[in-house]
PDB file of N, CA and C in Angstrom:
ATOM      1  N   MET A   1      10.533  33.411  21.164  1.00  0.00           N
ATOM      2  CA  MET A   1      10.180  31.580  21.396  1.00  0.00           C
ATOM      3  C   MET A   1      10.512  30.456  21.135  1.00  0.00           C
ATOM      4  N   VAL A   2      10.661  29.557  22.478  1.00  0.00           N
ATOM      5  CA  VAL A   2      11.572  28.262  21.574  1.00  0.00           C
ATOM      6  C   VAL A   2      10.144  27.141  22.229  1.00  0.00           C
ATOM      7  N   ARG A   3      10.065  26.807  20.460  1.00  0.00           N
ATOM      8  CA  ARG A   3       9.090  25.357  20.640  1.00  0.00           C
ATOM      9  C   ARG A   3      10.567  24.181  21.713  1.00  0.00           C
ATOM     10  N   ARG A   4       9.100  24.038  22.094  1.00  0.00           N
ATOM     11  CA  ARG A   4       9.423  22.396  22.412  1.00  0.00           C
ATOM     12  C   ARG A   4       8.870  21.499  22.030  1.00  0.00           C
ATOM     13  N   TYR A   5       9.724  20.053  22.132  1.00  0.00           N
ATOM     14  CA  TYR A   5       8.472  18.696  21.747  1.00  0.00           C
ATOM     15  C   TYR A   5       7.137  19.045  21.895  1.00  0.00           C
ATOM     16  N   TYR A   6       7.205  18.624  23.487  1.00  0.00           N
ATOM     17  CA  TYR A   6       5.891  18.513  23.929  1.00  0.00           C
ATOM     18  C   TYR A   6       5.277  20.053  23.540  1.00  0.00           C
ATOM     19  N   ASP A   7       5.461  20.396  23.577  1.00  0.00           N
ATOM     20  CA  ASP A   7       3.895  21.512  22.576  1.00  0.00           C
ATOM     21  C   ASP A   7       3.656  21.398  21.854  1.00  0.00           C
ATOM     22  N   LEU A   8       4.022  20.199  20.788  1.00  0.00           N
ATOM     23  CA  LEU A   8       3.467  20.043  19.197  1.00  0.00           C
ATOM     24  C   LEU A   8       2.157  18.837  20.026  1.00  0.00           C
ATOM     25  N   PRO A   9       1.512  18.275  18.646  1.00  0.00           N
ATOM     26  CA  PRO A   9       0.489  17.848  19.047  1.00  0.00           C
ATOM     27  C   PRO A   9       1.074  16.178  18.102  1.00  0.00           C
ATOM     28  N   SER A  10       0.417  15.575  19.296  1.00  0.00           N
ATOM     29  CA  SER A  10       1.699  14.160  18.894  1.00  0.00           C
ATOM     30  C   SER A  10       0.716  13.612  17.481  1.00  0.00           C
ATOM     31  N   LEU A  11       1.524  12.893  16.712  1.00  0.00           N
ATOM     32  CA  LEU A  11       0.943  12.664  15.257  1.00  0.00           C
ATOM     33  C   LEU A  11      -0.116  11.511  15.013  1.00  0.00           C
ATOM     34  N   THR A  12      -0.451  10.583  16.589  1.00  0.00           N
ATOM     35  CA  THR A  12      -1.955  10.081  16.471  1.00  0.00           C
ATOM     36  C   THR A  12      -3.054  11.028  16.400  1.00  0.00           C
ATOM     37  N   ALA A  13      -3.036  11.931  16.346  1.00  0.00           N
ATOM     38  CA  ALA A  13      -3.802  13.727  17.139  1.00  0.00           C
ATOM     39  C   ALA A  13      -3.601  13.734  15.307  1.00  0.00           C
ATOM     40  N   LEU A  14      -2.667  13.772  15.098  1.00  0.00           N
ATOM     41  CA  LEU A  14      -2.592  14.904  13.860  1.00  0.00           C
ATOM     42  C   LEU A  14      -3.387  13.865  12.650  1.00  0.00           C
ATOM     43  N   ALA A  15      -3.642  12.491  12.491  1.00  0.00           N
ATOM     44  CA  ALA A  15      -3.826  11.794  12.054  1.00  0.00           C
ATOM     45  C   ALA A  15      -5.128  11.434  11.979  1.00  0.00           C
ATOM     46  N   VAL A  16      -5.661  11.945  13.622  1.00  0.00           N
ATOM     47  CA  VAL A  16      -7.101  11.771  13.704  1.00  0.00           C
ATOM     48  C   VAL A  16      -7.789  13.060  13.247  1.00  0.00           C
ATOM     49  N   PHE A  17      -6.786  14.010  13.655  1.00  0.00           N
ATOM     50  CA  PHE A  17      -7.489  14.656  12.935  1.00  0.00           C
ATOM     51  C   PHE A  17      -7.808  15.484  10.858  1.00  0.00           C
ATOM     52  N   GLU A  18      -6.323  14.539  10.557  1.00  0.00           N
ATOM     53  CA  GLU A  18      -6.368  14.299   9.176  1.00  0.00           C
ATOM     54  C   GLU A  18      -7.888  13.461   8.706  1.00  0.00           C
ATOM     55  N   ALA A  19      -7.600  12.765   9.167  1.00  0.00           N
ATOM     56  CA  ALA A  19      -8.832  11.769   8.591  1.00  0.00           C
ATOM     57  C   ALA A  19     -10.052  12.091   8.523  1.00  0.00           C
ATOM     58  N   SER A  20     -10.136  12.788  10.100  1.00  0.00           N
ATOM     59  CA  SER A  20     -12.081  13.385  10.227  1.00  0.00           C
ATOM     60  C   SER A  20     -12.011  14.655   9.522  1.00  0.00           C
ATOM     61  N   ALA A  21     -11.245  15.149   9.028  1.00  0.00           N
ATOM     62  CA  ALA A  21     -11.467  15.995   8.499  1.00  0.00           C
ATOM     63  C   ALA A  21     -12.129  15.963   6.721  1.00  0.00           C
ATOM     64  N   ARG A  22     -10.844  14.608   6.372  1.00  0.00           N
ATOM     65  CA  ARG A  22     -10.721  14.094   5.337  1.00  0.00           C
ATOM     66  C   ARG A  22     -12.488  14.199   5.107  1.00  0.00           C
ATOM     67  N   HIS A  23     -13.146  12.586   5.934  1.00  0.00           N
ATOM     68  CA  HIS A  23     -13.876  11.781   5.286  1.00  0.00           C
ATOM     69  C   HIS A  23     -15.757  13.054   6.146  1.00  0.00           C
ATOM     70  N   LEU A  24     -15.289  14.301   6.692  1.00  0.00           N
ATOM     71  CA  LEU A  24     -16.151  14.634   7.381  1.00  0.00           C
ATOM     72  C   LEU A  24     -17.091  13.934   8.525  1.00  0.00           C
ATOM     73  N   SER A  25     -16.824  13.072   8.973  1.00  0.00           N
ATOM     74  CA  SER A  25     -16.909  12.371  10.192  1.00  0.00           C
ATOM     75  C   SER A  25     -16.206  11.724  10.715  1.00  0.00           C
ATOM     76  N   PHE A  26     -16.408  11.791  12.292  1.00  0.00           N
ATOM     77  CA  PHE A  26     -15.439  11.022  13.148  1.00  0.00           C
ATOM     78  C   PHE A  26     -15.661   9.405  13.166  1.00  0.00           C
ATOM     79  N   LYS A  27     -17.181   9.533  13.056  1.00  0.00           N
ATOM     80  CA  LYS A  27     -17.296   7.882  12.896  1.00  0.00           C
ATOM     81  C   LYS A  27     -16.497   7.141  11.575  1.00  0.00           C
ATOM     82  N   LEU A  28     -16.324   8.029  10.294  1.00  0.00           N
ATOM     83  CA  LEU A  28     -16.259   7.360   9.503  1.00  0.00           C
ATOM     84  C   LEU A  28     -14.084   7.154   9.629  1.00  0.00           C
ATOM     85  N   ALA A  29     -13.847   8.406  10.272  1.00  0.00           N
ATOM     86  CA  ALA A  29     -12.117   8.676  10.458  1.00  0.00           C
ATOM     87  C   ALA A  29     -12.063   7.275  11.594  1.00  0.00           C
ATOM     88  N   ALA A  30     -13.227   6.900  12.406  1.00  0.00           N
ATOM     89  CA  ALA A  30     -12.122   5.679  13.158  1.00  0.00           C
ATOM     90  C   ALA A  30     -12.280   4.261  12.933  1.00  0.00           C
ATOM     91  N   ALA A  31     -13.371   4.407  11.849  1.00  0.00           N
ATOM     92  CA  ALA A  31     -13.519   3.138  10.963  1.00  0.00           C
ATOM     93  C   ALA A  31     -12.498   3.075  10.281  1.00  0.00           C
ATOM     94  N   GLU A  32     -11.529   3.929   9.229  1.00  0.00           N
ATOM     95  CA  GLU A  32     -10.412   3.930   8.940  1.00  0.00           C
ATOM     96  C   GLU A  32      -9.178   3.359   9.755  1.00  0.00           C
ATOM     97  N   LEU A  33      -9.209   4.347  10.740  1.00  0.00           N
ATOM     98  CA  LEU A  33      -7.820   4.259  11.785  1.00  0.00           C
ATOM     99  C   LEU A  33      -7.988   2.990  12.451  1.00  0.00           C
ATOM    100  N   ASN A  34      -9.005   2.209  12.927  1.00  0.00           N
ATOM    101  CA  ASN A  34      -9.404   1.213  14.018  1.00  0.00           C
ATOM    102  C   ASN A  34      -8.585   1.319  15.445  1.00  0.00           C
TER     103      ASN A  34
END
């Protein structure tokens, strides 16, 4: 199976996921990412 670049999540989505997992809070992640 060939993976295309558009099958991968955006870097912004990965940053949001990482920050929310680290803080265990979307509110704190949003404040960090502003």
